[in-house]
N, C-alpha and C. Protein backbone atom coordinates (compact mmCIF):
# COMPACT_ATOMS: atom_id res chain seq x y z
N MET A 1 32.33 -7.71 1.91
CA MET A 1 30.62 -7.52 2.27
C MET A 1 30.73 -5.87 2.30
N PRO A 2 28.97 -5.88 1.64
CA PRO A 2 28.69 -4.37 1.81
C PRO A 2 28.81 -3.87 3.38
N ALA A 3 28.92 -2.78 3.40
CA ALA A 3 28.86 -2.11 4.55
C ALA A 3 27.36 -2.10 5.08
N GLU A 4 27.07 -2.32 6.44
CA GLU A 4 25.81 -2.28 7.05
C GLU A 4 25.12 -1.31 6.64
N SER A 5 25.79 -0.22 6.31
CA SER A 5 24.59 0.90 6.06
C SER A 5 24.46 0.93 4.43
N GLU A 6 24.73 -0.40 3.64
CA GLU A 6 24.38 -0.08 2.35
C GLU A 6 22.96 -1.75 2.46
N ILE A 7 22.95 -2.37 3.22
CA ILE A 7 22.00 -3.18 3.49
C ILE A 7 21.01 -2.46 4.10
N GLU A 8 19.39 -2.30 3.00
CA GLU A 8 18.46 -1.57 3.92
C GLU A 8 17.23 -2.81 3.89
N ILE A 9 16.36 -2.88 4.87
CA ILE A 9 15.23 -3.40 4.68
C ILE A 9 13.96 -2.79 4.68
N ILE A 10 13.11 -3.16 3.85
CA ILE A 10 11.62 -2.17 3.78
C ILE A 10 10.53 -3.42 3.73
N ILE A 11 9.54 -2.73 4.13
CA ILE A 11 8.24 -3.65 3.99
C ILE A 11 7.75 -3.36 2.77
N ALA A 12 7.47 -5.00 1.88
CA ALA A 12 7.15 -4.83 0.75
C ALA A 12 5.96 -4.44 0.90
N THR A 13 5.28 -3.81 -0.38
CA THR A 13 3.78 -3.12 -0.67
C THR A 13 3.10 -4.29 -1.46
N ALA A 14 2.04 -4.50 -1.81
CA ALA A 14 1.38 -4.79 -2.77
C ALA A 14 1.94 -5.27 -3.97
N ASP A 15 2.36 -4.11 -4.85
CA ASP A 15 3.38 -3.76 -6.01
C ASP A 15 4.41 -4.72 -5.92
N ASP A 16 4.83 -5.28 -4.92
CA ASP A 16 5.70 -5.95 -5.02
C ASP A 16 5.72 -7.56 -4.76
N ALA A 17 4.67 -7.66 -5.11
CA ALA A 17 4.59 -9.21 -4.88
C ALA A 17 5.31 -10.00 -6.06
N GLU A 18 4.95 -9.75 -7.14
CA GLU A 18 6.24 -10.56 -7.91
C GLU A 18 7.79 -10.55 -7.83
N LEU A 19 7.92 -9.27 -7.01
CA LEU A 19 9.49 -9.39 -6.81
C LEU A 19 9.62 -10.26 -5.80
N ILE A 20 8.48 -10.43 -4.99
CA ILE A 20 8.85 -11.25 -3.81
C ILE A 20 8.77 -12.99 -4.25
N SER A 21 7.70 -13.14 -5.10
CA SER A 21 7.37 -14.40 -5.70
C SER A 21 9.29 -14.96 -6.54
N SER A 22 9.66 -13.89 -7.12
CA SER A 22 10.80 -14.23 -7.86
C SER A 22 12.08 -14.58 -7.13
N ILE A 23 12.33 -13.86 -5.91
CA ILE A 23 12.97 -14.44 -4.80
C ILE A 23 13.14 -15.50 -4.45
N LEU A 24 11.65 -15.50 -3.80
CA LEU A 24 11.56 -17.03 -3.15
C LEU A 24 11.94 -18.25 -4.26
N ARG A 25 11.24 -18.06 -5.51
CA ARG A 25 11.40 -18.85 -6.61
C ARG A 25 12.82 -19.45 -6.91
N GLU A 26 13.67 -18.36 -6.85
CA GLU A 26 15.00 -18.56 -6.95
C GLU A 26 15.62 -19.39 -6.43
N ALA A 27 15.72 -18.87 -4.90
CA ALA A 27 16.03 -19.88 -4.07
C ALA A 27 15.52 -21.21 -3.89
N ALA A 28 14.12 -21.21 -4.36
CA ALA A 28 13.53 -22.98 -4.44
C ALA A 28 14.21 -23.66 -5.50
N GLU A 29 14.48 -23.17 -6.56
CA GLU A 29 14.83 -23.70 -7.60
C GLU A 29 16.72 -23.69 -7.36
N TRP A 30 17.23 -23.03 -6.62
CA TRP A 30 18.44 -23.43 -6.42
C TRP A 30 18.76 -24.61 -5.50
N LEU A 31 17.81 -24.54 -4.53
CA LEU A 31 17.82 -25.97 -3.72
C LEU A 31 17.43 -27.24 -4.33
N ILE A 32 16.57 -26.85 -4.98
CA ILE A 32 16.13 -27.91 -5.82
C ILE A 32 17.40 -28.60 -6.85
N SER A 33 18.27 -27.61 -7.09
CA SER A 33 19.35 -27.87 -8.33
C SER A 33 20.54 -28.81 -7.16
N LYS A 34 20.24 -28.48 -6.19
CA LYS A 34 21.20 -28.91 -4.94
C LYS A 34 20.82 -30.20 -4.63
N GLY A 35 19.66 -30.77 -4.94
CA GLY A 35 18.81 -31.80 -4.18
C GLY A 35 18.60 -31.49 -2.73
N GLU A 36 17.95 -30.35 -2.82
CA GLU A 36 17.54 -30.20 -1.16
C GLU A 36 16.13 -29.22 -0.94
N LYS A 37 15.80 -30.01 -1.77
CA LYS A 37 14.11 -29.32 -2.03
C LYS A 37 13.57 -28.82 -0.90
N LEU A 38 13.07 -27.63 -0.46
CA LEU A 38 12.47 -26.83 0.71
C LEU A 38 10.99 -26.54 0.59
N TRP A 39 10.66 -25.92 -0.52
CA TRP A 39 9.44 -25.08 -0.58
C TRP A 39 8.78 -25.89 -2.10
N GLU A 40 7.69 -26.19 -1.96
CA GLU A 40 6.82 -26.66 -3.54
C GLU A 40 6.79 -25.13 -4.02
N CYS A 41 7.48 -24.98 -5.43
CA CYS A 41 7.11 -23.78 -6.39
C CYS A 41 5.65 -23.22 -6.05
N ASP A 42 4.82 -23.86 -6.42
CA ASP A 42 3.33 -23.56 -6.54
C ASP A 42 3.07 -22.62 -5.42
N GLU A 43 3.77 -22.66 -3.99
CA GLU A 43 2.97 -22.14 -3.25
C GLU A 43 4.02 -21.10 -3.05
N LEU A 44 5.01 -20.68 -3.97
CA LEU A 44 5.62 -19.51 -4.48
C LEU A 44 5.33 -18.75 -5.47
N ASP A 45 4.14 -18.59 -6.19
CA ASP A 45 3.45 -18.15 -7.19
C ASP A 45 3.26 -17.04 -6.87
N VAL A 46 3.35 -15.82 -7.57
CA VAL A 46 2.52 -14.50 -7.53
C VAL A 46 1.38 -14.69 -6.91
N ASP A 47 0.49 -15.44 -7.37
CA ASP A 47 -0.96 -15.71 -6.60
C ASP A 47 -1.00 -16.04 -5.31
N ALA A 48 -0.04 -16.80 -4.92
CA ALA A 48 0.00 -17.76 -3.66
C ALA A 48 0.48 -16.62 -2.60
N VAL A 49 1.41 -15.88 -3.06
CA VAL A 49 2.09 -14.85 -1.89
C VAL A 49 1.39 -13.38 -1.84
N ALA A 50 1.03 -13.05 -3.06
CA ALA A 50 0.12 -11.51 -3.08
C ALA A 50 -0.62 -11.30 -1.93
N GLY A 51 -1.22 -12.08 -1.34
CA GLY A 51 -1.96 -11.70 -0.13
C GLY A 51 -1.47 -11.07 0.85
N GLU A 52 -0.62 -12.12 1.57
CA GLU A 52 0.47 -11.96 2.33
C GLU A 52 1.32 -11.04 1.88
N VAL A 53 1.88 -10.63 0.86
CA VAL A 53 2.68 -9.19 0.47
C VAL A 53 1.88 -8.07 0.77
N ALA A 54 0.47 -8.05 0.23
CA ALA A 54 -0.64 -6.61 0.37
C ALA A 54 -0.47 -6.71 2.11
N ASP A 55 -0.78 -7.87 2.89
CA ASP A 55 -0.82 -7.43 4.07
C ASP A 55 0.16 -6.91 4.79
N GLY A 56 1.16 -6.99 4.29
CA GLY A 56 2.43 -6.22 5.06
C GLY A 56 3.63 -7.41 5.48
N MET A 57 3.12 -8.35 5.23
CA MET A 57 4.25 -9.40 6.29
C MET A 57 5.44 -9.78 5.47
N TYR A 58 5.87 -9.32 4.24
CA TYR A 58 6.86 -9.55 3.74
C TYR A 58 7.95 -8.30 3.88
N ARG A 59 9.69 -8.37 4.14
CA ARG A 59 10.12 -7.51 4.08
C ARG A 59 11.30 -7.94 2.89
N ILE A 60 11.83 -6.94 2.22
CA ILE A 60 12.59 -6.65 1.03
C ILE A 60 14.05 -6.25 1.61
N ALA A 61 15.12 -7.02 1.55
CA ALA A 61 16.57 -6.61 1.71
C ALA A 61 17.27 -5.76 0.42
N LEU A 62 17.35 -4.57 0.90
CA LEU A 62 18.47 -3.90 -0.42
C LEU A 62 19.65 -3.98 -0.11
N SER A 63 20.40 -4.13 -1.27
CA SER A 63 21.98 -4.06 -1.28
C SER A 63 22.39 -3.10 -2.06
N SER A 64 22.78 -1.87 -1.58
CA SER A 64 23.08 -0.72 -2.42
C SER A 64 21.90 -0.48 -3.36
N LYS A 65 20.90 -0.63 -2.69
CA LYS A 65 19.29 -0.32 -3.30
C LYS A 65 18.92 -1.35 -4.37
N VAL A 66 19.41 -2.61 -4.38
CA VAL A 66 19.11 -3.70 -5.25
C VAL A 66 18.03 -4.43 -4.58
N PRO A 67 16.86 -5.18 -5.08
CA PRO A 67 16.51 -6.31 -3.99
C PRO A 67 17.44 -7.30 -3.88
N ALA A 68 17.75 -8.09 -2.71
CA ALA A 68 19.01 -8.90 -2.61
C ALA A 68 18.01 -10.27 -1.93
N GLY A 69 17.16 -9.69 -1.38
CA GLY A 69 16.39 -10.97 -0.63
C GLY A 69 15.08 -10.69 0.19
N CYS A 70 14.72 -11.44 0.73
CA CYS A 70 13.33 -11.26 1.59
C CYS A 70 13.03 -12.48 2.94
N TYR A 71 11.93 -11.88 3.47
CA TYR A 71 11.60 -12.99 4.76
C TYR A 71 10.26 -12.45 4.58
N ARG A 72 9.67 -13.44 5.69
CA ARG A 72 8.08 -12.84 5.88
C ARG A 72 8.15 -12.75 7.60
N PHE A 73 7.75 -11.67 7.92
CA PHE A 73 7.61 -11.48 9.53
C PHE A 73 5.83 -11.39 9.75
N GLN A 74 5.73 -12.15 11.09
CA GLN A 74 4.34 -12.29 11.54
C GLN A 74 4.12 -12.51 13.05
N THR A 75 3.37 -12.12 13.67
CA THR A 75 2.73 -11.93 14.65
C THR A 75 1.93 -12.84 15.39
N GLU A 76 1.89 -14.15 14.16
CA GLU A 76 1.08 -15.04 14.58
C GLU A 76 1.13 -16.50 13.84
N ASP A 77 1.66 -17.57 14.66
CA ASP A 77 1.84 -18.85 13.54
C ASP A 77 0.96 -20.05 14.05
N LEU A 78 -0.24 -20.11 13.82
CA LEU A 78 -0.75 -21.21 14.53
C LEU A 78 -0.43 -22.49 13.56
N GLU A 79 -0.14 -22.61 12.49
CA GLU A 79 0.56 -23.57 11.91
C GLU A 79 1.92 -24.48 12.39
N TYR A 80 2.84 -23.87 12.82
CA TYR A 80 3.81 -24.61 13.41
C TYR A 80 3.89 -24.14 15.02
N TRP A 81 3.48 -23.03 15.19
CA TRP A 81 3.50 -22.72 16.78
C TRP A 81 2.42 -22.79 17.51
N ASN A 82 1.41 -23.61 17.19
CA ASN A 82 0.44 -23.37 17.87
C ASN A 82 0.36 -23.95 19.57
N ASP A 83 1.41 -24.22 20.15
CA ASP A 83 1.67 -24.55 21.28
C ASP A 83 2.46 -23.55 22.20
N VAL A 84 2.45 -22.13 21.91
CA VAL A 84 3.28 -21.45 22.54
C VAL A 84 2.13 -19.89 22.72
N PRO A 85 2.42 -19.05 23.50
CA PRO A 85 1.79 -17.98 23.86
C PRO A 85 2.20 -16.91 22.26
N HIS A 86 1.31 -16.73 21.59
CA HIS A 86 1.43 -15.50 20.79
C HIS A 86 1.53 -14.19 21.05
N GLU A 87 1.10 -13.90 22.25
CA GLU A 87 1.18 -12.50 22.30
C GLU A 87 2.51 -12.07 23.11
N ASP A 88 3.33 -13.07 23.14
CA ASP A 88 4.89 -12.58 23.39
C ASP A 88 5.92 -13.02 22.27
N SER A 89 5.42 -13.60 20.94
CA SER A 89 5.99 -13.94 19.79
C SER A 89 5.86 -13.16 18.83
N ALA A 90 7.06 -13.26 17.90
CA ALA A 90 6.83 -13.10 16.50
C ALA A 90 7.85 -14.25 16.24
N PHE A 91 7.30 -14.11 14.40
CA PHE A 91 7.87 -15.24 13.62
C PHE A 91 8.44 -14.54 12.26
N ILE A 92 9.21 -15.32 11.74
CA ILE A 92 9.87 -15.34 11.16
C ILE A 92 10.30 -16.38 9.75
N HIS A 93 9.84 -16.34 8.54
CA HIS A 93 9.82 -17.65 7.72
C HIS A 93 9.93 -17.39 6.45
N ARG A 94 10.23 -17.94 5.84
CA ARG A 94 10.66 -17.94 4.06
C ARG A 94 12.31 -16.90 3.93
N VAL A 95 12.82 -17.22 4.70
CA VAL A 95 14.25 -16.46 4.59
C VAL A 95 14.77 -16.55 3.28
N ALA A 96 14.76 -15.76 2.24
CA ALA A 96 15.55 -16.01 0.89
C ALA A 96 16.54 -15.02 0.54
N VAL A 97 17.74 -15.31 -0.02
CA VAL A 97 18.52 -14.30 -0.72
C VAL A 97 18.75 -14.89 -1.85
N ARG A 98 19.00 -13.98 -2.92
CA ARG A 98 19.48 -13.93 -4.21
C ARG A 98 20.77 -14.65 -4.36
N ARG A 99 20.74 -15.87 -5.19
CA ARG A 99 22.40 -16.30 -5.38
C ARG A 99 23.74 -15.08 -5.39
N GLU A 100 23.37 -14.28 -6.08
CA GLU A 100 24.45 -13.33 -6.37
C GLU A 100 24.64 -12.48 -5.31
N PHE A 101 23.95 -12.39 -4.40
CA PHE A 101 24.39 -11.76 -2.96
C PHE A 101 24.39 -12.75 -1.48
N GLY A 102 24.36 -13.81 -2.15
CA GLY A 102 25.07 -14.96 -1.11
C GLY A 102 26.40 -14.81 -0.58
N ARG A 103 26.28 -15.11 0.89
CA ARG A 103 27.86 -14.69 1.35
C ARG A 103 27.95 -13.14 1.66
N LEU A 104 27.29 -12.41 1.67
CA LEU A 104 27.39 -10.98 1.84
C LEU A 104 26.38 -10.15 3.06
N GLY A 105 26.02 -11.13 3.92
CA GLY A 105 25.27 -10.58 4.99
C GLY A 105 24.16 -10.20 4.93
N ILE A 106 23.60 -10.71 3.51
CA ILE A 106 22.36 -10.54 3.91
C ILE A 106 21.10 -10.87 4.74
N SER A 107 21.37 -12.16 5.22
CA SER A 107 20.60 -13.08 5.82
C SER A 107 20.75 -12.42 7.17
N SER A 108 22.09 -12.05 7.66
CA SER A 108 22.33 -11.43 9.04
C SER A 108 21.50 -10.44 9.12
N ALA A 109 21.43 -9.32 7.88
CA ALA A 109 20.84 -8.23 8.15
C ALA A 109 19.37 -8.52 8.15
N MET A 110 19.09 -9.12 7.65
CA MET A 110 17.55 -9.77 7.51
C MET A 110 16.96 -10.05 9.03
N MET A 111 17.94 -10.90 9.66
CA MET A 111 17.67 -11.53 11.04
C MET A 111 17.87 -10.60 12.06
N ALA A 112 18.76 -9.54 12.06
CA ALA A 112 18.86 -8.56 13.15
C ALA A 112 17.80 -7.56 12.73
N ASN A 113 17.32 -7.42 11.71
CA ASN A 113 15.77 -6.58 11.73
C ASN A 113 15.00 -7.05 12.09
N ALA A 114 14.45 -8.20 11.79
CA ALA A 114 13.28 -9.02 12.35
C ALA A 114 13.42 -9.14 13.79
N LYS A 115 14.53 -9.36 14.41
CA LYS A 115 14.37 -9.14 16.30
C LYS A 115 14.47 -7.74 16.32
N ASN A 116 15.03 -6.65 15.61
CA ASN A 116 14.84 -5.39 16.23
C ASN A 116 12.95 -5.22 16.35
N GLU A 117 12.49 -5.56 15.11
CA GLU A 117 10.96 -5.63 14.75
C GLU A 117 10.37 -6.08 15.87
N ALA A 118 10.76 -7.11 16.16
CA ALA A 118 9.90 -7.88 17.00
C ALA A 118 10.22 -7.26 18.33
N ARG A 119 10.95 -6.88 18.77
CA ARG A 119 11.59 -5.80 20.03
C ARG A 119 10.48 -4.79 20.25
N GLU A 120 10.60 -3.83 19.10
CA GLU A 120 9.76 -2.60 19.07
C GLU A 120 8.34 -3.14 19.52
N ILE A 121 7.74 -4.41 18.81
CA ILE A 121 6.28 -4.18 19.06
C ILE A 121 6.04 -5.32 20.69
N GLY A 122 7.31 -4.96 21.27
CA GLY A 122 6.85 -5.95 22.64
C GLY A 122 6.70 -7.07 23.05
N ARG A 123 7.76 -7.67 21.74
CA ARG A 123 7.85 -9.61 21.95
C ARG A 123 8.89 -9.82 22.96
N LYS A 124 8.67 -10.91 23.43
CA LYS A 124 9.87 -11.52 24.01
C LYS A 124 11.05 -12.71 23.44
N TYR A 125 10.14 -13.21 22.22
CA TYR A 125 10.83 -13.94 21.38
C TYR A 125 10.53 -13.63 20.09
N LEU A 126 11.72 -14.13 19.11
CA LEU A 126 11.34 -14.49 17.56
C LEU A 126 11.50 -15.79 17.50
N ARG A 127 10.50 -16.15 16.60
CA ARG A 127 10.74 -18.19 16.55
C ARG A 127 10.66 -18.02 15.13
N LEU A 128 11.06 -19.37 14.57
CA LEU A 128 11.06 -19.57 13.19
C LEU A 128 11.17 -21.45 13.55
N ASP A 129 10.83 -21.76 12.30
CA ASP A 129 10.86 -23.12 11.59
C ASP A 129 11.69 -23.32 10.86
N CYS A 130 12.42 -24.17 10.68
CA CYS A 130 13.02 -25.10 9.60
C CYS A 130 13.31 -26.41 9.12
N ALA A 131 13.67 -26.49 7.90
CA ALA A 131 13.97 -28.01 7.59
C ALA A 131 14.80 -28.76 8.28
N ASP A 132 14.62 -29.83 8.91
CA ASP A 132 15.68 -30.42 9.91
C ASP A 132 17.04 -30.82 9.15
N ARG A 133 17.56 -29.86 8.90
CA ARG A 133 19.10 -30.05 7.85
C ARG A 133 19.94 -29.38 8.92
N PRO A 134 21.39 -30.41 9.08
CA PRO A 134 22.17 -29.75 9.90
C PRO A 134 23.03 -28.35 9.22
N LYS A 135 23.13 -28.24 8.15
CA LYS A 135 23.74 -26.72 7.55
C LYS A 135 22.93 -25.90 7.77
N LEU A 136 21.42 -25.67 7.44
CA LEU A 136 20.51 -25.03 7.49
C LEU A 136 20.13 -24.58 8.69
N ARG A 137 20.33 -25.40 9.85
CA ARG A 137 20.08 -25.33 11.32
C ARG A 137 21.06 -24.63 11.78
N SER A 138 22.30 -24.96 11.30
CA SER A 138 23.71 -24.01 11.78
C SER A 138 23.43 -22.34 11.33
N VAL A 139 23.05 -22.45 10.31
CA VAL A 139 22.74 -21.10 10.13
C VAL A 139 22.10 -19.99 11.15
N TYR A 140 20.67 -20.68 11.51
CA TYR A 140 20.16 -20.08 12.70
C TYR A 140 20.75 -20.30 14.23
N GLU A 141 21.75 -20.99 14.41
CA GLU A 141 22.41 -21.27 15.23
C GLU A 141 23.43 -19.99 15.88
N ARG A 142 24.13 -19.98 14.27
CA ARG A 142 24.89 -18.83 14.46
C ARG A 142 24.53 -17.89 14.83
N GLN A 143 23.03 -17.28 14.38
CA GLN A 143 22.15 -16.03 14.38
C GLN A 143 22.02 -15.99 16.06
N GLY A 144 22.10 -16.83 16.98
CA GLY A 144 21.44 -16.79 18.24
C GLY A 144 20.81 -17.43 18.69
N PHE A 145 20.12 -18.21 17.72
CA PHE A 145 18.85 -18.99 17.90
C PHE A 145 18.92 -20.08 18.44
N VAL A 146 18.20 -20.66 19.64
CA VAL A 146 18.03 -21.89 20.54
C VAL A 146 17.01 -23.00 19.77
N PHE A 147 17.82 -24.17 19.93
CA PHE A 147 16.56 -24.84 19.34
C PHE A 147 15.74 -25.17 20.63
N HIS A 148 14.48 -25.43 20.09
CA HIS A 148 13.10 -25.45 20.81
C HIS A 148 12.85 -26.77 20.96
N SER A 149 12.29 -27.22 19.58
CA SER A 149 11.68 -28.52 19.35
C SER A 149 11.14 -28.96 17.98
N PHE A 150 10.94 -30.20 17.66
CA PHE A 150 10.87 -30.42 16.56
C PHE A 150 9.09 -30.62 16.60
N LYS A 151 8.61 -30.47 15.13
CA LYS A 151 7.12 -30.48 15.06
C LYS A 151 6.95 -31.01 13.43
N GLU A 152 6.03 -32.20 13.89
CA GLU A 152 5.69 -32.54 12.53
C GLU A 152 4.17 -32.20 12.35
N ARG A 153 4.38 -31.94 10.88
CA ARG A 153 2.95 -31.34 10.30
C ARG A 153 3.52 -31.84 8.84
N GLU A 154 2.63 -32.63 8.44
CA GLU A 154 2.28 -33.21 7.05
C GLU A 154 2.69 -32.05 6.01
N PRO A 155 3.49 -32.10 5.04
CA PRO A 155 4.12 -33.20 4.62
C PRO A 155 5.66 -32.99 5.02
N TYR A 156 6.00 -32.04 6.44
CA TYR A 156 7.02 -31.67 7.04
C TYR A 156 7.52 -31.99 8.26
N ARG A 157 8.78 -32.09 8.72
CA ARG A 157 9.16 -32.17 9.92
C ARG A 157 10.11 -31.07 9.99
N VAL A 158 9.92 -30.23 10.84
CA VAL A 158 10.51 -28.89 11.04
C VAL A 158 11.25 -28.69 12.40
N ALA A 159 12.39 -28.41 12.41
CA ALA A 159 13.14 -27.89 13.86
C ALA A 159 12.81 -26.52 14.06
N ARG A 160 12.15 -26.28 15.09
CA ARG A 160 11.87 -25.02 15.63
C ARG A 160 12.89 -24.63 16.74
N TYR A 161 13.24 -22.96 16.35
CA TYR A 161 13.94 -22.22 17.05
C TYR A 161 13.33 -21.09 17.54
N GLU A 162 13.70 -20.83 18.64
CA GLU A 162 13.63 -19.24 19.11
C GLU A 162 14.75 -18.44 19.87
N PHE A 163 14.55 -17.31 19.63
CA PHE A 163 15.53 -16.04 20.23
C PHE A 163 15.08 -15.26 20.92
N LYS A 164 15.40 -15.48 22.26
CA LYS A 164 15.00 -14.88 23.49
C LYS A 164 15.60 -13.36 23.19
N LEU A 165 14.46 -12.21 23.06
CA LEU A 165 14.88 -10.91 22.82
C LEU A 165 15.35 -10.37 23.92
């Protein structure tokens, strides 16, 4: 596993839209190959993510300066978390790690960074939603997230989790 100092998290810029799209698509295609489809590939195209990347929502995880993963950080999520106060919450979505960096602590480093960022802006919770799959849910539970509830939003049923900061 890389030393923690070798993993750096940076805010993506508009120039990184293609990189973000490629990381997300790689993760999506890998999951499809395992029969565990998670995202629609068209929602991960450069054009689909470019606006959010330009708005500063995405973070890139670098392992020894090489892009290894990404996630989206938000201070509002009215789609999946419309029933909680947003002034005390931050949200993390689309956590993805390139296959060659699997099991190297990249997702843990990204989660730690998101928790720190949420604390720094005065939030009390970091919240996320994920597919209702035991293996995926256990990833977040090992990171200290606690199950909150299920949410139905076509075409998805998600398990919602929160981490109290």
